[in-house]
Amino acid sequence: MLPMLELAADGKVHSLESTRQSLAGRFGLTADERAELLPSGRQHRFDNRVAWAKVYLERAGLLSSPKRAHFEISEDGRKVLAEKPKRVDILLLSRFEKFREFRKVKKDEPTDGGDGGTDETPEEILEQAYQGIRQQLAVDLLEHIKAASPQFFESLVVDLLLKMGYGGNRVAAGKAIGKSGDEGIDGVISEDRLGLDQIYVQAKRWEGTVGRPEVHKFVGALQGQRAHRGVLITTSTFSQDAKEYVKHIESRVVLIDGRQMAEYMIDLNLGVTSKACYDVKRIDLDYFEEE
């Protein structure tokens, strides 16, 4: 926020877009850093922070907005710069009644702890909280999977592959998985509803790390079937050596570890149910356009 306020000290009207470019140059951001997204993948992190810096400074009365997506410094903003602050943060902005009203913080309440001292935007705080809940859910899911019977795990694999669009239908997929056990292959499932291509599956509940030798056996089983595609699913993890191995073989083999399996289940609503939904809204600018 301080660099944005200093940028506006020239008294000119600045656009949000040009400000992003100026601040990115001031911070020496690389192209990769500019391209970094929020966890939702819908907005660039840096652009989000610049936008919220403008909102916070405006709510405190240090900037004013003569038109949409533009800003200029106010008299209060000049007074703050005259103090030569080392940083402009929520603690400093909380001196202003308008900002406290915006944040719903009373004057005698502490503003240097909890979310008052954070440098993160509301979207970042919300998304980080969501990611924390999601990560814990994935851990809990995996614990339930490991505690279930082998038959349930086989059924879960069928349901997961069906949710991902493989197998055609439940009956056909159910007959495929967990039946053959032929040379390290637990089943064969259709890649499409017509069954024009087949994917060979191995689904095992391992406790330790699955290394290259186990993956090599599966690849050998694929070659024995003259197959070129396979999915190896485990409740544990794969060694780095195993991951590197499948990158350099002719067969297309996908490794799905326990954590990835749980993530897929969450994304596809398998074994989970919604607890609460928060609908984050924004201004519909088209509505306010006048002829």
Protein backbone atom coordinates (compact mmCIF):
# COMPACT_ATOMS: atom_id res chain seq x y z
CA MET A 1 0.00 0.00 0.00
CA LEU A 2 2.88 2.41 0.70
CA PRO A 3 4.33 2.08 -2.83
CA MET A 4 0.87 2.74 -4.29
CA LEU A 5 0.44 5.82 -2.12
CA GLU A 6 3.91 7.05 -3.09
CA LEU A 7 3.06 6.50 -6.75
CA ALA A 8 0.00 8.72 -6.35
CA ALA A 9 2.03 11.47 -4.66
CA ASP A 10 2.54 13.17 -8.04
CA GLY A 11 -1.10 14.30 -7.88
CA LYS A 12 -2.01 12.67 -11.18
CA VAL A 13 -4.87 10.28 -11.84
CA HIS A 14 -3.51 6.76 -12.19
CA SER A 15 -5.17 3.75 -13.75
CA LEU A 16 -5.14 0.41 -11.97
CA GLU A 17 -3.61 -1.27 -15.02
CA SER A 18 -0.67 1.14 -15.29
CA THR A 19 -0.18 0.88 -11.52
CA ARG A 20 0.20 -2.88 -11.75
CA GLN A 21 2.93 -2.41 -14.34
CA SER A 22 4.70 0.26 -12.29
CA LEU A 23 4.58 -1.68 -9.03
CA ALA A 24 5.66 -4.91 -10.68
CA GLY A 25 8.70 -3.07 -12.01
CA ARG A 26 9.41 -1.52 -8.62
CA PHE A 27 9.30 -4.92 -6.93
CA GLY A 28 11.35 -6.51 -9.70
CA LEU A 29 8.76 -9.23 -10.28
CA THR A 30 9.52 -11.91 -12.84
CA ALA A 31 7.02 -13.06 -15.45
CA ASP A 32 6.43 -16.22 -13.41
CA GLU A 33 5.74 -14.18 -10.28
CA ARG A 34 3.29 -11.99 -12.19
CA ALA A 35 1.57 -15.14 -13.51
CA GLU A 36 1.16 -16.75 -10.07
CA LEU A 37 -2.49 -17.52 -9.37
CA LEU A 38 -4.57 -17.68 -6.22
CA PRO A 39 -5.44 -21.24 -5.12
CA SER A 40 -8.75 -20.97 -6.98
CA GLY A 41 -6.83 -20.45 -10.24
CA ARG A 42 -9.20 -17.66 -11.25
CA GLN A 43 -7.13 -14.57 -10.52
CA HIS A 44 -3.49 -13.53 -10.47
CA ARG A 45 -2.20 -13.09 -6.92
CA PHE A 46 -0.33 -9.84 -7.64
CA ASP A 47 -3.28 -8.26 -9.47
CA ASN A 48 -5.51 -9.22 -6.56
CA ARG A 49 -3.19 -7.56 -4.05
CA VAL A 50 -2.92 -4.36 -6.07
CA ALA A 51 -6.70 -4.15 -6.37
CA TRP A 52 -7.20 -4.63 -2.63
CA ALA A 53 -4.46 -2.09 -1.82
CA LYS A 54 -6.49 0.45 -3.78
CA VAL A 55 -9.71 -0.53 -1.98
CA TYR A 56 -8.11 -0.27 1.49
CA LEU A 57 -6.47 3.10 0.79
CA GLU A 58 -9.73 4.46 -0.61
CA ARG A 59 -11.75 3.21 2.37
CA ALA A 60 -9.32 4.97 4.68
CA GLY A 61 -9.67 8.15 2.65
CA LEU A 62 -6.02 8.29 1.56
CA LEU A 63 -6.96 7.85 -2.10
CA SER A 64 -10.03 8.94 -4.02
CA SER A 65 -11.48 7.44 -7.18
CA PRO A 66 -12.49 10.00 -9.84
CA LYS A 67 -13.65 7.18 -12.12
CA ARG A 68 -13.78 3.41 -12.21
CA ALA A 69 -10.39 1.63 -11.98
CA HIS A 70 -8.58 4.94 -11.43
CA PHE A 71 -7.35 6.78 -8.33
CA GLU A 72 -5.58 9.90 -7.08
CA ILE A 73 -4.13 10.94 -3.73
CA SER A 74 -6.22 12.83 -1.17
CA GLU A 75 -5.19 15.43 1.41
CA ASP A 76 -5.19 12.75 4.13
CA GLY A 77 -2.98 10.65 1.90
CA ARG A 78 -0.45 13.48 1.63
CA LYS A 79 -0.49 13.92 5.41
CA VAL A 80 0.30 10.24 5.90
CA LEU A 81 3.21 10.41 3.43
CA ALA A 82 4.51 13.49 5.24
CA GLU A 83 4.94 11.29 8.32
CA LYS A 84 7.43 9.20 6.29
CA PRO A 85 5.99 5.83 7.41
CA LYS A 86 8.09 2.70 6.87
CA ARG A 87 4.96 0.85 5.76
CA VAL A 88 1.25 1.39 5.34
CA ASP A 89 -0.70 -1.51 6.82
CA ILE A 90 -4.05 -2.23 8.44
CA LEU A 91 -2.75 -1.00 11.80
CA LEU A 92 -1.99 2.44 10.33
CA LEU A 93 -5.22 2.60 8.33
CA SER A 94 -7.23 1.78 11.46
CA ARG A 95 -6.49 5.29 12.70
CA PHE A 96 -9.18 6.47 10.30
CA GLU A 97 -12.82 6.18 11.30
CA LYS A 98 -13.97 5.40 7.74
CA PHE A 99 -11.61 2.45 7.54
CA ARG A 100 -12.64 1.13 10.96
CA GLU A 101 -16.26 1.30 9.83
CA PHE A 102 -15.34 -0.53 6.63
CA ARG A 103 -13.58 -3.23 8.66
CA LYS A 104 -16.11 -3.08 11.52
CA VAL A 105 -13.31 -2.58 14.03
CA LYS A 106 -13.90 -0.44 17.12
CA LYS A 107 -11.33 2.17 18.05
CA ASP A 108 -10.35 0.50 21.33
CA GLU A 109 -10.01 -2.98 19.84
CA PRO A 110 -6.51 -4.30 19.10
CA THR A 111 -5.58 -4.24 15.41
CA ASP A 112 -2.14 -5.83 15.55
CA GLY A 113 -3.28 -9.41 15.97
CA GLY A 114 -5.63 -11.92 14.36
CA ASP A 115 -6.50 -10.84 10.85
CA GLY A 116 -5.71 -7.21 11.71
CA GLY A 117 -1.99 -7.66 11.15
CA THR A 118 -2.12 -9.73 8.00
CA ASP A 119 -0.76 -8.59 4.66
CA GLU A 120 -3.05 -10.99 2.81
CA THR A 121 -6.13 -9.95 0.90
CA PRO A 122 -9.61 -11.18 1.89
CA GLU A 123 -9.60 -13.59 -1.07
CA GLU A 124 -6.26 -15.03 0.01
CA ILE A 125 -7.45 -15.48 3.60
CA LEU A 126 -10.67 -17.13 2.43
CA GLU A 127 -8.92 -19.42 -0.05
CA GLN A 128 -6.18 -20.41 2.40
CA ALA A 129 -8.85 -21.32 4.95
CA TYR A 130 -10.64 -23.35 2.27
CA GLN A 131 -7.42 -25.12 1.30
CA GLY A 132 -6.76 -25.95 4.95
CA ILE A 133 -10.21 -27.51 5.30
CA ARG A 134 -9.74 -29.39 2.03
CA GLN A 135 -6.34 -30.75 3.07
CA GLN A 136 -7.72 -32.03 6.36
CA LEU A 137 -10.65 -33.60 4.52
CA ALA A 138 -8.22 -35.42 2.20
CA VAL A 139 -6.35 -36.78 5.23
CA ASP A 140 -9.59 -37.97 6.84
CA LEU A 141 -10.76 -39.56 3.57
CA LEU A 142 -7.52 -41.50 3.21
CA GLU A 143 -7.76 -42.79 6.79
CA HIS A 144 -11.27 -44.10 6.09
CA ILE A 145 -10.10 -45.76 2.86
CA LYS A 146 -7.23 -47.52 4.62
CA ALA A 147 -9.55 -48.74 7.36
CA ALA A 148 -12.05 -50.19 4.88
CA SER A 149 -12.04 -53.74 3.54
CA PRO A 150 -10.22 -54.74 0.32
CA GLN A 151 -13.61 -55.32 -1.31
CA PHE A 152 -14.72 -51.79 -0.45
CA PHE A 153 -11.48 -50.38 -1.86
CA GLU A 154 -12.05 -52.21 -5.14
CA SER A 155 -15.57 -50.82 -5.28
CA LEU A 156 -14.24 -47.33 -4.54
CA VAL A 157 -11.77 -47.61 -7.43
CA VAL A 158 -14.62 -48.57 -9.75
CA ASP A 159 -16.71 -45.61 -8.59
CA LEU A 160 -13.78 -43.24 -8.98
CA LEU A 161 -12.96 -44.36 -12.51
CA LEU A 162 -16.62 -44.10 -13.47
CA LYS A 163 -16.77 -40.58 -12.04
CA MET A 164 -13.73 -39.73 -14.16
CA GLY A 165 -15.58 -40.90 -17.26
CA TYR A 166 -14.10 -44.39 -17.73
CA GLY A 167 -15.67 -47.81 -17.71
CA GLY A 168 -18.90 -47.20 -19.59
CA ASN A 169 -21.28 -48.37 -16.85
CA ARG A 170 -21.18 -49.68 -13.27
CA VAL A 171 -21.84 -53.30 -14.17
CA ALA A 172 -19.10 -53.53 -16.81
CA ALA A 173 -16.58 -51.69 -14.66
CA GLY A 174 -17.47 -53.76 -11.61
CA LYS A 175 -16.72 -56.95 -13.50
CA ALA A 176 -13.37 -55.57 -14.60
CA ILE A 177 -11.73 -54.42 -11.40
CA GLY A 178 -10.45 -56.80 -8.76
CA LYS A 179 -11.21 -59.97 -10.68
CA SER A 180 -8.33 -61.12 -12.83
CA GLY A 181 -5.16 -60.58 -10.79
CA ASP A 182 -3.32 -61.72 -13.94
CA GLU A 183 0.41 -60.98 -13.62
CA GLY A 184 -0.06 -57.84 -11.58
CA ILE A 185 -3.15 -56.58 -13.40
CA ASP A 186 -6.27 -56.24 -11.28
CA GLY A 187 -8.61 -55.33 -14.07
CA VAL A 188 -9.27 -53.89 -17.49
CA ILE A 189 -11.61 -50.97 -17.96
CA SER A 190 -12.85 -49.20 -21.08
CA GLU A 191 -11.50 -45.75 -21.81
CA ASP A 192 -14.78 -44.82 -23.47
CA ARG A 193 -18.37 -46.03 -23.51
CA LEU A 194 -17.87 -47.90 -26.78
CA GLY A 195 -14.95 -49.86 -25.42
CA LEU A 196 -12.69 -48.92 -28.34
CA ASP A 197 -9.65 -48.65 -26.10
CA GLN A 198 -8.75 -50.40 -22.87
CA ILE A 199 -6.92 -49.25 -19.74
CA TYR A 200 -5.28 -51.81 -17.45
CA VAL A 201 -5.60 -51.13 -13.75
CA GLN A 202 -3.74 -52.18 -10.65
CA ALA A 203 -5.24 -51.00 -7.36
CA LYS A 204 -3.50 -52.02 -4.15
CA ARG A 205 -3.63 -50.90 -0.54
CA TRP A 206 0.05 -50.48 0.27
CA GLU A 207 1.35 -49.11 3.55
CA GLY A 208 4.95 -48.36 2.58
CA THR A 209 6.25 -46.32 -0.32
CA VAL A 210 5.76 -47.96 -3.70
CA GLY A 211 9.14 -48.07 -5.41
CA ARG A 212 10.34 -48.55 -8.95
CA PRO A 213 10.46 -52.39 -8.75
CA GLU A 214 6.69 -52.60 -8.12
CA VAL A 215 5.97 -50.16 -10.93
CA HIS A 216 8.34 -52.08 -13.21
CA LYS A 217 6.38 -55.28 -12.57
CA PHE A 218 3.16 -53.53 -13.57
CA VAL A 219 4.75 -52.19 -16.75
CA GLY A 220 5.99 -55.69 -17.54
CA ALA A 221 2.47 -57.02 -17.09
CA LEU A 222 1.21 -54.40 -19.54
CA GLN A 223 3.77 -55.45 -22.10
CA GLY A 224 2.72 -59.06 -21.61
CA GLN A 225 -0.78 -58.02 -22.60
CA ARG A 226 0.51 -55.85 -25.47
CA ALA A 227 -1.12 -52.95 -23.67
CA HIS A 228 0.10 -49.37 -23.80
CA ARG A 229 -1.98 -47.68 -21.09
CA GLY A 230 -2.24 -48.37 -17.42
CA VAL A 231 -3.27 -46.81 -14.12
CA LEU A 232 -1.57 -47.78 -10.87
CA ILE A 233 -3.49 -46.68 -7.78
CA THR A 234 -2.23 -46.97 -4.21
CA THR A 235 -3.30 -45.77 -0.80
CA SER A 236 0.32 -44.87 0.02
CA THR A 237 2.93 -42.93 -1.96
CA PHE A 238 5.31 -43.48 -4.88
CA SER A 239 9.06 -43.01 -4.65
CA GLN A 240 10.65 -40.30 -6.77
CA ASP A 241 12.51 -43.01 -8.66
CA ALA A 242 9.18 -44.64 -9.57
CA LYS A 243 7.76 -41.31 -10.76
CA GLU A 244 10.80 -40.65 -12.94
CA TYR A 245 10.69 -44.18 -14.35
CA VAL A 246 7.21 -43.85 -15.86
CA LYS A 247 8.25 -40.64 -17.63
CA HIS A 248 10.78 -42.51 -19.77
CA ILE A 249 8.94 -45.62 -20.88
CA GLU A 250 6.96 -46.29 -24.03
CA SER A 251 3.80 -47.32 -22.19
CA ARG A 252 1.60 -44.53 -20.83
CA VAL A 253 1.31 -45.24 -17.11
CA VAL A 254 -0.41 -42.92 -14.67
CA LEU A 255 0.46 -43.17 -10.96
CA ILE A 256 -2.22 -42.13 -8.48
CA ASP A 257 -1.14 -42.07 -4.83
CA GLY A 258 -3.40 -41.94 -1.81
CA ARG A 259 -3.39 -38.17 -1.52
CA GLN A 260 -4.22 -37.70 -5.21
CA MET A 261 -6.99 -40.27 -4.95
CA ALA A 262 -8.52 -38.35 -2.04
CA GLU A 263 -8.23 -35.08 -3.99
CA TYR A 264 -10.02 -36.63 -6.97
CA MET A 265 -12.76 -37.88 -4.67
CA ILE A 266 -13.28 -34.38 -3.28
CA ASP A 267 -13.35 -32.82 -6.75
CA LEU A 268 -15.79 -35.43 -8.05
CA ASN A 269 -17.99 -35.49 -4.91
CA LEU A 270 -17.29 -39.14 -4.19
CA GLY A 271 -17.55 -40.13 -0.53
CA VAL A 272 -18.03 -36.51 0.54
CA THR A 273 -20.99 -34.18 0.96
CA SER A 274 -21.28 -30.40 1.10
CA LYS A 275 -21.33 -28.92 4.59
CA ALA A 276 -21.66 -25.22 3.76
CA CYS A 277 -21.46 -22.95 0.70
CA TYR A 278 -20.29 -19.32 0.62
CA ASP A 279 -21.32 -17.32 -2.41
CA VAL A 280 -18.74 -14.55 -2.98
CA LYS A 281 -20.26 -11.79 -5.09
CA ARG A 282 -19.02 -8.68 -6.86
CA ILE A 283 -20.62 -5.56 -8.29
CA ASP A 284 -22.40 -6.10 -11.61
CA LEU A 285 -20.97 -3.12 -13.48
CA ASP A 286 -23.24 -3.73 -16.49
CA TYR A 287 -26.26 -3.09 -14.29
CA PHE A 288 -25.06 0.42 -13.47
CA GLU A 289 -24.32 1.41 -17.07
CA GLU A 290 -26.63 4.24 -18.12
CA GLU A 291 -27.69 4.85 -21.70
